[in-house]
Amino acid sequence: MINYSIMQAEGILLITPSSPLSKEDFNSLNADVDVYLSKHARLHGIMIHAQKFPGWEGFGAFTAHMHFVREHHKQVERIAVVTDSPLAGIGELLAKHFTSAEVQHFPFALAHNL
């Protein structure tokens, strides 16, 4: 499950996955981001905040995730991945191949100290 909100004034999408990601999660996220982007040229940032990566429910969820990335990657300036997951480094490297956004990893504990 993905919990998310769009900070309208700042143009930042906050994403907090709490359990394996589903196809329906990305359908909802896609629709809400499209509404935002219909009124704004881009998202200034996406912050993904999760102590660990929960994975996907199945292949359909994974493909929905890739569809979301493909449809929106040119409209995102920066991506912050706030996690202690060992996959963060790999994800950061992979993301740089799929998006022109600046991608940075931050330790999960850092976000709780702000």
C-alpha atoms as a PDB file:
ATOM      1  CA  MET A   1       0.000   0.000   0.000  1.00  0.00           C
ATOM      2  CA  ILE A   2       1.193   3.491  -0.876  1.00  0.00           C
ATOM      3  CA  ASN A   3       0.226   6.428   1.293  1.00  0.00           C
ATOM      4  CA  TYR A   4       0.913   9.688  -0.498  1.00  0.00           C
ATOM      5  CA  SER A   5       0.122  13.367  -0.597  1.00  0.00           C
ATOM      6  CA  ILE A   6       1.016  16.223  -2.880  1.00  0.00           C
ATOM      7  CA  MET A   7       2.223  19.390  -1.190  1.00  0.00           C
ATOM      8  CA  GLN A   8       0.458  21.672  -3.659  1.00  0.00           C
ATOM      9  CA  ALA A   9       2.286  24.947  -2.971  1.00  0.00           C
ATOM     10  CA  GLU A  10       5.726  23.294  -2.922  1.00  0.00           C
ATOM     11  CA  GLY A  11       5.091  20.887  -5.775  1.00  0.00           C
ATOM     12  CA  ILE A  12       6.397  17.916  -3.808  1.00  0.00           C
ATOM     13  CA  LEU A  13       4.932  14.415  -3.855  1.00  0.00           C
ATOM     14  CA  LEU A  14       5.414  12.588  -0.538  1.00  0.00           C
ATOM     15  CA  ILE A  15       5.224   8.796  -0.799  1.00  0.00           C
ATOM     16  CA  THR A  16       5.228   6.425   2.173  1.00  0.00           C
ATOM     17  CA  PRO A  17       4.833   2.758   1.210  1.00  0.00           C
ATOM     18  CA  SER A  18       3.605   0.654   4.135  1.00  0.00           C
ATOM     19  CA  SER A  19       3.107  -2.795   2.622  1.00  0.00           C
ATOM     20  CA  PRO A  20       3.715  -4.500  -0.748  1.00  0.00           C
ATOM     21  CA  LEU A  21       2.795  -2.158  -3.575  1.00  0.00           C
ATOM     22  CA  SER A  22      -0.259  -2.986  -5.672  1.00  0.00           C
ATOM     23  CA  LYS A  23      -1.394  -2.160  -9.181  1.00  0.00           C
ATOM     24  CA  GLU A  24      -4.294  -0.208  -7.656  1.00  0.00           C
ATOM     25  CA  ASP A  25      -1.833   1.930  -5.651  1.00  0.00           C
ATOM     26  CA  PHE A  26      -0.237   3.105  -8.880  1.00  0.00           C
ATOM     27  CA  ASN A  27      -3.601   3.635 -10.588  1.00  0.00           C
ATOM     28  CA  SER A  28      -4.619   6.064  -7.808  1.00  0.00           C
ATOM     29  CA  LEU A  29      -1.197   7.716  -7.652  1.00  0.00           C
ATOM     30  CA  ASN A  30      -1.115   8.118 -11.425  1.00  0.00           C
ATOM     31  CA  ALA A  31      -4.549   9.764 -11.491  1.00  0.00           C
ATOM     32  CA  ASP A  32      -3.758  12.246  -8.707  1.00  0.00           C
ATOM     33  CA  VAL A  33      -0.356  13.168 -10.126  1.00  0.00           C
ATOM     34  CA  ASP A  34      -1.940  13.693 -13.563  1.00  0.00           C
ATOM     35  CA  VAL A  35      -4.487  16.095 -12.027  1.00  0.00           C
ATOM     36  CA  TYR A  36      -1.655  18.043 -10.372  1.00  0.00           C
ATOM     37  CA  LEU A  37       0.383  18.109 -13.590  1.00  0.00           C
ATOM     38  CA  SER A  38      -2.599  19.340 -15.585  1.00  0.00           C
ATOM     39  CA  LYS A  39      -2.277  22.588 -13.595  1.00  0.00           C
ATOM     40  CA  HIS A  40       1.520  22.688 -13.100  1.00  0.00           C
ATOM     41  CA  ALA A  41       4.420  22.131 -15.471  1.00  0.00           C
ATOM     42  CA  ARG A  42       6.251  19.716 -13.161  1.00  0.00           C
ATOM     43  CA  LEU A  43       6.774  18.267  -9.730  1.00  0.00           C
ATOM     44  CA  HIS A  44       9.690  19.947  -8.000  1.00  0.00           C
ATOM     45  CA  GLY A  45      10.349  16.776  -6.092  1.00  0.00           C
ATOM     46  CA  ILE A  46       9.309  13.333  -4.959  1.00  0.00           C
ATOM     47  CA  MET A  47      10.254  12.121  -1.499  1.00  0.00           C
ATOM     48  CA  ILE A  48       9.953   8.395  -0.886  1.00  0.00           C
ATOM     49  CA  HIS A  49      10.057   7.718   2.857  1.00  0.00           C
ATOM     50  CA  ALA A  50      10.227   4.086   4.021  1.00  0.00           C
ATOM     51  CA  GLN A  51      12.472   2.340   6.516  1.00  0.00           C
ATOM     52  CA  LYS A  52      12.611  -0.626   4.148  1.00  0.00           C
ATOM     53  CA  PHE A  53      11.287  -1.341   0.669  1.00  0.00           C
ATOM     54  CA  PRO A  54       8.094  -3.438   0.919  1.00  0.00           C
ATOM     55  CA  GLY A  55       8.263  -4.915  -2.605  1.00  0.00           C
ATOM     56  CA  TRP A  56       5.366  -5.426  -5.001  1.00  0.00           C
ATOM     57  CA  GLU A  57       2.295  -7.647  -4.717  1.00  0.00           C
ATOM     58  CA  GLY A  58       3.077  -9.165  -8.104  1.00  0.00           C
ATOM     59  CA  PHE A  59       4.219  -8.559 -11.637  1.00  0.00           C
ATOM     60  CA  GLY A  60       1.160  -6.398 -12.397  1.00  0.00           C
ATOM     61  CA  ALA A  61       2.150  -4.021  -9.606  1.00  0.00           C
ATOM     62  CA  PHE A  62       5.734  -3.900 -10.866  1.00  0.00           C
ATOM     63  CA  THR A  63       4.597  -3.062 -14.414  1.00  0.00           C
ATOM     64  CA  ALA A  64       2.202  -0.395 -13.072  1.00  0.00           C
ATOM     65  CA  HIS A  65       5.170   1.114 -11.197  1.00  0.00           C
ATOM     66  CA  MET A  66       7.285   1.156 -14.365  1.00  0.00           C
ATOM     67  CA  HIS A  67       4.374   2.716 -16.284  1.00  0.00           C
ATOM     68  CA  PHE A  68       4.143   5.495 -13.666  1.00  0.00           C
ATOM     69  CA  VAL A  69       7.886   6.166 -13.983  1.00  0.00           C
ATOM     70  CA  ARG A  70       7.765   6.164 -17.786  1.00  0.00           C
ATOM     71  CA  GLU A  71       4.802   8.557 -17.909  1.00  0.00           C
ATOM     72  CA  HIS A  72       6.158  11.080 -15.391  1.00  0.00           C
ATOM     73  CA  HIS A  73       9.954  10.934 -15.327  1.00  0.00           C
ATOM     74  CA  LYS A  74      10.420  14.040 -17.481  1.00  0.00           C
ATOM     75  CA  GLN A  75       8.210  16.121 -15.187  1.00  0.00           C
ATOM     76  CA  VAL A  76      10.149  15.545 -11.939  1.00  0.00           C
ATOM     77  CA  GLU A  77      13.135  17.685 -10.907  1.00  0.00           C
ATOM     78  CA  ARG A  78      14.432  15.768  -7.870  1.00  0.00           C
ATOM     79  CA  ILE A  79      13.871  12.478  -6.087  1.00  0.00           C
ATOM     80  CA  ALA A  80      14.832  11.890  -2.453  1.00  0.00           C
ATOM     81  CA  VAL A  81      14.852   8.283  -1.263  1.00  0.00           C
ATOM     82  CA  VAL A  82      14.779   8.264   2.540  1.00  0.00           C
ATOM     83  CA  THR A  83      15.374   4.692   3.661  1.00  0.00           C
ATOM     84  CA  ASP A  84      17.711   2.274   5.367  1.00  0.00           C
ATOM     85  CA  SER A  85      16.971  -0.419   2.794  1.00  0.00           C
ATOM     86  CA  PRO A  86      20.079  -2.006   1.308  1.00  0.00           C
ATOM     87  CA  LEU A  87      18.302  -1.726  -2.060  1.00  0.00           C
ATOM     88  CA  ALA A  88      18.543   2.077  -1.928  1.00  0.00           C
ATOM     89  CA  GLY A  89      21.964   2.203  -3.547  1.00  0.00           C
ATOM     90  CA  ILE A  90      20.882  -0.075  -6.363  1.00  0.00           C
ATOM     91  CA  GLY A  91      17.637   1.847  -6.755  1.00  0.00           C
ATOM     92  CA  GLU A  92      19.514   5.134  -6.939  1.00  0.00           C
ATOM     93  CA  LEU A  93      21.768   3.802  -9.706  1.00  0.00           C
ATOM     94  CA  LEU A  94      18.843   2.329 -11.648  1.00  0.00           C
ATOM     95  CA  ALA A  95      16.753   5.485 -11.283  1.00  0.00           C
ATOM     96  CA  LYS A  96      19.505   7.517 -12.905  1.00  0.00           C
ATOM     97  CA  HIS A  97      18.992   5.426 -16.069  1.00  0.00           C
ATOM     98  CA  PHE A  98      15.218   5.959 -16.146  1.00  0.00           C
ATOM     99  CA  THR A  99      14.901   9.610 -15.183  1.00  0.00           C
ATOM    100  CA  SER A 100      16.659  12.907 -15.700  1.00  0.00           C
ATOM    101  CA  ALA A 101      15.745  13.927 -12.141  1.00  0.00           C
ATOM    102  CA  GLU A 102      18.469  14.397  -9.561  1.00  0.00           C
ATOM    103  CA  VAL A 103      18.271  11.321  -7.299  1.00  0.00           C
ATOM    104  CA  GLN A 104      19.677  11.245  -3.771  1.00  0.00           C
ATOM    105  CA  HIS A 105      19.570   8.728  -0.940  1.00  0.00           C
ATOM    106  CA  PHE A 106      19.253   9.784   2.706  1.00  0.00           C
ATOM    107  CA  PRO A 107      19.302   7.611   5.858  1.00  0.00           C
ATOM    108  CA  PHE A 108      15.847   6.972   7.339  1.00  0.00           C
ATOM    109  CA  ALA A 109      16.881   8.267  10.783  1.00  0.00           C
ATOM    110  CA  LEU A 110      17.823  11.639   9.261  1.00  0.00           C
ATOM    111  CA  ALA A 111      14.181  12.395   8.464  1.00  0.00           C
ATOM    112  CA  HIS A 112      13.173  11.812  12.082  1.00  0.00           C
ATOM    113  CA  ASN A 113      15.777  14.290  13.323  1.00  0.00           C
ATOM    114  CA  LEU A 114      14.428  17.191  11.255  1.00  0.00           C
END
